[in-house]
Amino acid sequence: MGHLQGKGFQVKTNDISYEQLNAIKEKYGVPRRLWSCHTGLVGKYVIEGHVPGEIILRFLKEKPDVSGLGVPGMPTGSPGMGGTPEPYDVFSFDGNGRLRVYSQVRP
């Protein structure tokens, strides 16, 4: 079972090209600074990169007035990544591309 399924999410994956994935990121306003290898849609929100499921669940309960959450790159030890966990930030972003630290992961 994958990380998100273990948190209760139903996950549907689509095998698409990088060009198609980048078009989705642009369509939903993901700031380029946050672009990563995964882009997901949960309700009205975009989830970009290796955002931990428990942070997504809290975010969905809070329903902030933003476009989504993102983690740039592939931090070691983040969901889906191996290795010794390292600290990283999870950013929220709005329709104007403004970023704000939403949560900090400090293993």
C-alpha atoms as a PDB file:
ATOM      1  CA  MET A   1       0.000   0.000   0.000  1.00  0.00           C
ATOM      2  CA  GLY A   2       1.279   3.448  -0.866  1.00  0.00           C
ATOM      3  CA  HIS A   3       1.709   6.358   1.546  1.00  0.00           C
ATOM      4  CA  LEU A   4      -1.453   8.210   0.509  1.00  0.00           C
ATOM      5  CA  GLN A   5      -3.599   5.077   0.398  1.00  0.00           C
ATOM      6  CA  GLY A   6      -2.408   4.361   3.941  1.00  0.00           C
ATOM      7  CA  LYS A   7      -3.831   7.761   4.961  1.00  0.00           C
ATOM      8  CA  GLY A   8      -7.236   6.928   3.453  1.00  0.00           C
ATOM      9  CA  PHE A   9      -6.888   8.574   0.047  1.00  0.00           C
ATOM     10  CA  GLN A  10      -8.142   6.890  -3.098  1.00  0.00           C
ATOM     11  CA  VAL A  11      -5.376   7.402  -5.637  1.00  0.00           C
ATOM     12  CA  LYS A  12      -5.818   7.301  -9.394  1.00  0.00           C
ATOM     13  CA  THR A  13      -2.629   7.521 -11.426  1.00  0.00           C
ATOM     14  CA  ASN A  14      -2.237   8.560 -15.036  1.00  0.00           C
ATOM     15  CA  ASP A  15       0.770   7.677 -17.160  1.00  0.00           C
ATOM     16  CA  ILE A  16       1.402  10.868 -19.154  1.00  0.00           C
ATOM     17  CA  SER A  17       4.347  12.569 -20.800  1.00  0.00           C
ATOM     18  CA  TYR A  18       6.379  15.303 -19.107  1.00  0.00           C
ATOM     19  CA  GLU A  19       4.915  17.760 -21.602  1.00  0.00           C
ATOM     20  CA  GLN A  20       1.389  16.808 -20.523  1.00  0.00           C
ATOM     21  CA  LEU A  21       2.363  16.951 -16.843  1.00  0.00           C
ATOM     22  CA  ASN A  22       3.901  20.394 -17.255  1.00  0.00           C
ATOM     23  CA  ALA A  23       0.754  21.590 -19.026  1.00  0.00           C
ATOM     24  CA  ILE A  24      -1.297  20.449 -16.009  1.00  0.00           C
ATOM     25  CA  LYS A  25       1.050  22.306 -13.644  1.00  0.00           C
ATOM     26  CA  GLU A  26       0.651  25.460 -15.733  1.00  0.00           C
ATOM     27  CA  LYS A  27      -3.131  25.053 -16.019  1.00  0.00           C
ATOM     28  CA  TYR A  28      -3.504  24.857 -12.239  1.00  0.00           C
ATOM     29  CA  GLY A  29      -0.993  27.605 -11.483  1.00  0.00           C
ATOM     30  CA  VAL A  30       1.725  25.613  -9.750  1.00  0.00           C
ATOM     31  CA  PRO A  31       4.660  28.017  -9.329  1.00  0.00           C
ATOM     32  CA  ARG A  32       7.719  26.757 -11.229  1.00  0.00           C
ATOM     33  CA  ARG A  33       9.777  26.922  -8.050  1.00  0.00           C
ATOM     34  CA  LEU A  34       7.630  24.072  -6.671  1.00  0.00           C
ATOM     35  CA  TRP A  35       7.571  21.835  -9.748  1.00  0.00           C
ATOM     36  CA  SER A  36       8.350  18.254  -8.865  1.00  0.00           C
ATOM     37  CA  CYS A  37       7.730  14.796 -10.261  1.00  0.00           C
ATOM     38  CA  HIS A  38       4.137  14.394  -9.013  1.00  0.00           C
ATOM     39  CA  THR A  39       1.067  16.577  -9.407  1.00  0.00           C
ATOM     40  CA  GLY A  40      -2.246  15.652  -7.832  1.00  0.00           C
ATOM     41  CA  LEU A  41      -5.710  17.130  -7.633  1.00  0.00           C
ATOM     42  CA  VAL A  42      -7.732  16.790  -4.428  1.00  0.00           C
ATOM     43  CA  GLY A  43     -11.068  18.554  -4.613  1.00  0.00           C
ATOM     44  CA  LYS A  44     -10.338  22.149  -5.623  1.00  0.00           C
ATOM     45  CA  TYR A  45      -6.676  21.940  -4.570  1.00  0.00           C
ATOM     46  CA  VAL A  46      -3.426  21.011  -6.304  1.00  0.00           C
ATOM     47  CA  ILE A  47      -0.843  18.930  -4.447  1.00  0.00           C
ATOM     48  CA  GLU A  48       2.644  19.136  -5.942  1.00  0.00           C
ATOM     49  CA  GLY A  49       5.503  16.837  -5.015  1.00  0.00           C
ATOM     50  CA  HIS A  50       6.157  14.797  -1.895  1.00  0.00           C
ATOM     51  CA  VAL A  51       3.646  16.337   0.530  1.00  0.00           C
ATOM     52  CA  PRO A  52       3.032  14.042   3.532  1.00  0.00           C
ATOM     53  CA  GLY A  53      -0.501  12.656   3.755  1.00  0.00           C
ATOM     54  CA  GLU A  54      -1.075  13.926   7.288  1.00  0.00           C
ATOM     55  CA  ILE A  55      -0.323  17.483   6.111  1.00  0.00           C
ATOM     56  CA  ILE A  56      -2.761  17.084   3.191  1.00  0.00           C
ATOM     57  CA  LEU A  57      -5.454  15.867   5.617  1.00  0.00           C
ATOM     58  CA  ARG A  58      -4.939  18.878   7.915  1.00  0.00           C
ATOM     59  CA  PHE A  59      -4.948  21.197   4.899  1.00  0.00           C
ATOM     60  CA  LEU A  60      -8.247  19.747   3.652  1.00  0.00           C
ATOM     61  CA  LYS A  61      -9.842  20.251   7.084  1.00  0.00           C
ATOM     62  CA  GLU A  62      -8.628  23.858   7.294  1.00  0.00           C
ATOM     63  CA  LYS A  63      -9.692  24.708   3.706  1.00  0.00           C
ATOM     64  CA  PRO A  64      -7.424  27.751   3.317  1.00  0.00           C
ATOM     65  CA  ASP A  65      -8.037  30.231   0.532  1.00  0.00           C
ATOM     66  CA  VAL A  66      -5.086  29.112  -1.599  1.00  0.00           C
ATOM     67  CA  SER A  67      -4.603  26.995  -4.710  1.00  0.00           C
ATOM     68  CA  GLY A  68      -2.645  24.163  -3.162  1.00  0.00           C
ATOM     69  CA  LEU A  69       0.430  22.751  -1.476  1.00  0.00           C
ATOM     70  CA  GLY A  70       3.836  21.879  -2.829  1.00  0.00           C
ATOM     71  CA  VAL A  71       7.230  20.510  -1.923  1.00  0.00           C
ATOM     72  CA  PRO A  72      10.024  21.387  -4.342  1.00  0.00           C
ATOM     73  CA  GLY A  73      12.399  18.638  -5.394  1.00  0.00           C
ATOM     74  CA  MET A  74      12.522  15.231  -3.781  1.00  0.00           C
ATOM     75  CA  PRO A  75      13.634  15.574  -0.156  1.00  0.00           C
ATOM     76  CA  THR A  76      15.363  12.503   1.229  1.00  0.00           C
ATOM     77  CA  GLY A  77      13.026  10.564   3.512  1.00  0.00           C
ATOM     78  CA  SER A  78       9.859  12.284   2.282  1.00  0.00           C
ATOM     79  CA  PRO A  79       6.918  10.029   1.306  1.00  0.00           C
ATOM     80  CA  GLY A  80       8.025   7.800  -1.539  1.00  0.00           C
ATOM     81  CA  MET A  81      11.708   8.633  -1.099  1.00  0.00           C
ATOM     82  CA  GLY A  82      14.172   6.464   0.762  1.00  0.00           C
ATOM     83  CA  GLY A  83      17.108   7.375   2.929  1.00  0.00           C
ATOM     84  CA  THR A  84      17.560   9.173   6.193  1.00  0.00           C
ATOM     85  CA  PRO A  85      14.791  11.784   6.532  1.00  0.00           C
ATOM     86  CA  GLU A  86      15.879  15.398   6.192  1.00  0.00           C
ATOM     87  CA  PRO A  87      13.987  18.532   7.231  1.00  0.00           C
ATOM     88  CA  TYR A  88      11.986  20.342   4.557  1.00  0.00           C
ATOM     89  CA  ASP A  89       9.202  22.870   4.123  1.00  0.00           C
ATOM     90  CA  VAL A  90       5.746  22.399   2.626  1.00  0.00           C
ATOM     91  CA  PHE A  91       4.540  25.554   0.874  1.00  0.00           C
ATOM     92  CA  SER A  92       1.061  26.795   0.129  1.00  0.00           C
ATOM     93  CA  PHE A  93       0.586  28.817  -3.040  1.00  0.00           C
ATOM     94  CA  ASP A  94      -2.138  31.044  -4.398  1.00  0.00           C
ATOM     95  CA  GLY A  95      -3.385  31.955  -7.861  1.00  0.00           C
ATOM     96  CA  ASN A  96      -0.818  34.758  -8.089  1.00  0.00           C
ATOM     97  CA  GLY A  97       2.100  32.407  -7.469  1.00  0.00           C
ATOM     98  CA  ARG A  98       2.751  33.661  -3.926  1.00  0.00           C
ATOM     99  CA  LEU A  99       4.382  31.069  -1.693  1.00  0.00           C
ATOM    100  CA  ARG A 100       4.103  30.767   2.053  1.00  0.00           C
ATOM    101  CA  VAL A 101       5.471  28.097   4.363  1.00  0.00           C
ATOM    102  CA  TYR A 102       2.423  26.067   5.361  1.00  0.00           C
ATOM    103  CA  SER A 103       4.165  23.402   7.423  1.00  0.00           C
ATOM    104  CA  GLN A 104       7.651  22.273   8.333  1.00  0.00           C
ATOM    105  CA  VAL A 105       8.683  18.633   8.338  1.00  0.00           C
ATOM    106  CA  ARG A 106      11.298  18.089  11.024  1.00  0.00           C
ATOM    107  CA  PRO A 107      12.014  14.359  11.426  1.00  0.00           C
END
